[in-house]
Protein backbone atom coordinates (compact mmCIF):
# COMPACT_ATOMS: atom_id res chain seq x y z
CA MET A 1 -98.43 151.56 -199.22
CA LYS A 2 -100.69 154.22 -200.73
CA THR A 3 -102.39 157.04 -198.86
CA TYR A 4 -106.15 156.58 -198.69
CA SER A 5 -108.21 159.37 -200.24
CA ALA A 6 -111.98 159.25 -199.84
CA ARG A 7 -114.27 159.72 -202.82
CA PRO A 8 -117.69 161.37 -202.54
CA SER A 9 -119.33 158.03 -203.41
CA ASP A 10 -117.64 156.36 -200.40
CA VAL A 11 -119.14 158.74 -197.82
CA GLU A 12 -122.04 157.55 -195.65
CA ARG A 13 -123.73 160.38 -193.84
CA LYS A 14 -125.25 159.96 -190.39
CA TRP A 15 -127.49 162.32 -188.42
CA TYR A 16 -126.63 163.43 -184.89
CA ILE A 17 -128.73 165.41 -182.42
CA ILE A 18 -127.16 167.55 -179.69
CA ASP A 19 -129.06 169.03 -176.75
CA ALA A 20 -127.33 172.37 -176.06
CA GLU A 21 -128.96 172.97 -172.70
CA ASP A 22 -126.29 174.10 -170.18
CA LEU A 23 -123.43 173.27 -172.59
CA VAL A 24 -120.52 175.71 -172.89
CA LEU A 25 -120.81 177.43 -176.28
CA GLY A 26 -117.21 177.23 -177.50
CA ARG A 27 -116.63 173.63 -176.46
CA MET A 28 -119.87 172.56 -178.14
CA ALA A 29 -119.03 174.51 -181.31
CA VAL A 30 -115.67 172.72 -181.65
CA GLU A 31 -117.34 169.31 -181.50
CA ILE A 32 -120.02 170.35 -184.02
CA ALA A 33 -117.46 171.79 -186.45
CA ASP A 34 -115.43 168.56 -186.32
CA ILE A 35 -118.51 166.45 -187.07
CA LEU A 36 -119.60 168.72 -189.93
CA ARG A 37 -116.11 168.50 -191.48
CA GLY A 38 -115.84 164.74 -190.94
CA LYS A 39 -112.73 164.87 -188.76
CA HIS A 40 -114.21 162.28 -186.39
CA LYS A 41 -114.03 159.65 -189.15
CA THR A 42 -111.00 157.59 -190.14
CA MET A 43 -111.74 158.28 -193.80
CA TYR A 44 -111.34 162.07 -193.37
CA THR A 45 -110.00 163.74 -196.48
CA PRO A 46 -109.45 167.53 -196.37
CA HIS A 47 -110.76 168.30 -199.87
CA ILE A 48 -113.86 166.03 -199.73
CA ASP A 49 -117.03 166.66 -197.70
CA THR A 50 -116.98 163.59 -195.44
CA GLY A 51 -119.01 165.17 -192.61
CA ASP A 52 -122.33 164.24 -191.07
CA HIS A 53 -125.54 166.17 -190.39
CA VAL A 54 -125.99 167.80 -186.97
CA VAL A 55 -129.25 168.95 -185.36
CA VAL A 56 -128.87 171.25 -182.33
CA ILE A 57 -131.87 171.71 -180.04
CA ASN A 58 -132.33 174.06 -177.05
CA ALA A 59 -129.81 176.54 -178.53
CA ALA A 60 -131.39 179.32 -176.46
CA LYS A 61 -130.23 177.59 -173.25
CA VAL A 62 -126.52 177.47 -174.13
CA ARG A 63 -124.08 178.80 -171.51
CA LEU A 64 -121.37 181.42 -171.83
CA THR A 65 -118.58 181.34 -169.26
CA GLY A 66 -117.20 184.37 -167.45
CA ASN A 67 -118.46 187.78 -168.56
CA LYS A 68 -118.93 186.80 -172.21
CA ALA A 69 -122.69 187.41 -172.13
CA GLY A 70 -122.02 191.12 -171.60
CA ASN A 71 -118.58 191.54 -173.17
CA LYS A 72 -118.67 189.37 -176.30
CA THR A 73 -119.80 191.70 -179.07
CA TYR A 74 -120.95 190.90 -182.59
CA TYR A 75 -120.46 193.65 -185.17
CA TRP A 76 -121.97 194.16 -188.61
CA HIS A 77 -122.16 197.04 -191.06
CA THR A 78 -125.27 198.24 -192.87
CA GLY A 79 -123.34 199.49 -195.90
CA TYR A 80 -124.09 203.13 -195.19
CA PRO A 81 -121.58 205.66 -193.80
CA GLY A 82 -121.42 205.37 -190.03
CA GLY A 83 -123.56 202.25 -190.21
CA ILE A 84 -121.60 199.96 -187.89
CA LYS A 85 -123.90 198.11 -185.51
CA GLU A 86 -123.18 195.96 -182.50
CA ARG A 87 -124.99 193.59 -180.21
CA THR A 88 -123.71 191.55 -177.26
CA ALA A 89 -124.10 187.79 -177.00
CA GLY A 90 -126.47 188.23 -174.05
CA GLN A 91 -128.75 190.50 -176.09
CA ILE A 92 -128.88 187.99 -178.93
CA LEU A 93 -129.59 185.06 -176.59
CA SER A 94 -132.50 186.95 -175.03
CA GLY A 95 -133.77 188.21 -178.40
CA ASN A 96 -135.90 186.68 -181.16
CA HIS A 97 -133.18 184.48 -182.73
CA PRO A 98 -130.98 183.03 -179.96
CA GLU A 99 -129.80 180.21 -182.25
CA ARG A 100 -127.61 182.73 -184.12
CA VAL A 101 -125.02 182.69 -181.32
CA VAL A 102 -124.44 178.97 -181.89
CA GLU A 103 -124.57 179.47 -185.66
CA LYS A 104 -121.84 182.15 -185.61
CA ALA A 105 -119.63 180.16 -183.22
CA VAL A 106 -119.68 177.12 -185.52
CA LEU A 107 -119.47 179.13 -188.77
CA ARG A 108 -116.30 180.87 -187.63
CA MET A 109 -114.65 177.49 -186.94
CA MET A 110 -115.38 176.18 -190.43
CA PRO A 111 -113.05 176.64 -193.41
CA LYS A 112 -113.79 179.62 -195.61
CA GLY A 113 -114.72 178.81 -199.21
CA PRO A 114 -117.10 176.62 -201.21
CA LEU A 115 -116.31 173.41 -199.29
CA GLY A 116 -116.84 175.07 -195.90
CA ARG A 117 -120.16 176.55 -197.03
CA ALA A 118 -121.34 173.14 -198.26
CA GLN A 119 -120.36 171.52 -194.97
CA PHE A 120 -122.08 174.25 -192.94
CA LYS A 121 -125.39 173.62 -194.72
CA LYS A 122 -125.61 170.27 -192.88
CA LEU A 123 -126.11 172.10 -189.55
CA LYS A 124 -129.69 172.62 -188.31
CA ILE A 125 -130.17 174.76 -185.19
CA TYR A 126 -133.41 175.20 -183.21
CA ALA A 127 -133.96 177.45 -180.18
CA GLY A 128 -136.47 175.06 -178.59
CA ALA A 129 -136.71 171.31 -178.08
CA GLU A 130 -138.81 170.64 -181.21
CA HIS A 131 -137.27 169.78 -184.58
CA PRO A 132 -138.63 168.35 -187.86
CA HIS A 133 -135.89 165.75 -188.41
CA GLU A 134 -137.33 162.71 -186.62
CA ALA A 135 -137.66 160.84 -189.94
CA GLN A 136 -133.84 160.78 -190.28
CA LYS A 137 -133.57 158.95 -186.92
CA PRO A 138 -130.77 161.13 -185.51
CA GLU A 139 -128.38 159.52 -183.05
CA VAL A 140 -128.11 161.33 -179.69
CA LEU A 141 -124.64 162.74 -179.07
CA ASP A 142 -123.87 163.49 -175.42
CA ILE A 143 -121.15 166.15 -175.45
CA ALA A 144 -121.54 166.86 -171.72
CA ALA A 145 -120.34 163.35 -170.87
CA ARG A 146 -117.10 163.72 -172.84
CA ASN A 147 -115.53 166.23 -170.43
CA SER A 148 -116.69 167.70 -167.14
CA LYS A 149 -115.88 171.24 -168.40
CA ASN A 150 -118.37 170.93 -171.27
CA LYS A 151 -121.41 171.49 -169.06
CA ARG A 152 -122.11 174.37 -166.69
CA SER A 153 -125.14 175.00 -164.57
CA ALA A 154 -126.47 178.38 -163.46
């Protein structure tokens, strides 16, 4: 018996939509990363992009458990001496681009390299409920129903 290895021509891509309102960030990011990589499919092959497209709406309403809103810190460097900057997850969520918290959580769960970058391009994140992907007829994916810990209310 031979081991099955998917070819790029065999892959059929679907579109999924996830409503992030009141979902726990890390648990949602794991599910999204698995779908982008194609690990939810039986034809998964590590070196082929077998993943699907994911649209995330209401990213600004995602939940962080514990004290992560104040303690989880994102760092970056400007390139100048002494140019290290930091911002907490709570500041980003209340700022102009709250979808970046979800983006970073998923990006850091993806493989590093050309394949991971190609898979990550299939993720579309929107802070509000509106998105321009209705023509693709995305299938609604209810992550909150998979486990009771996936959803938290205020």
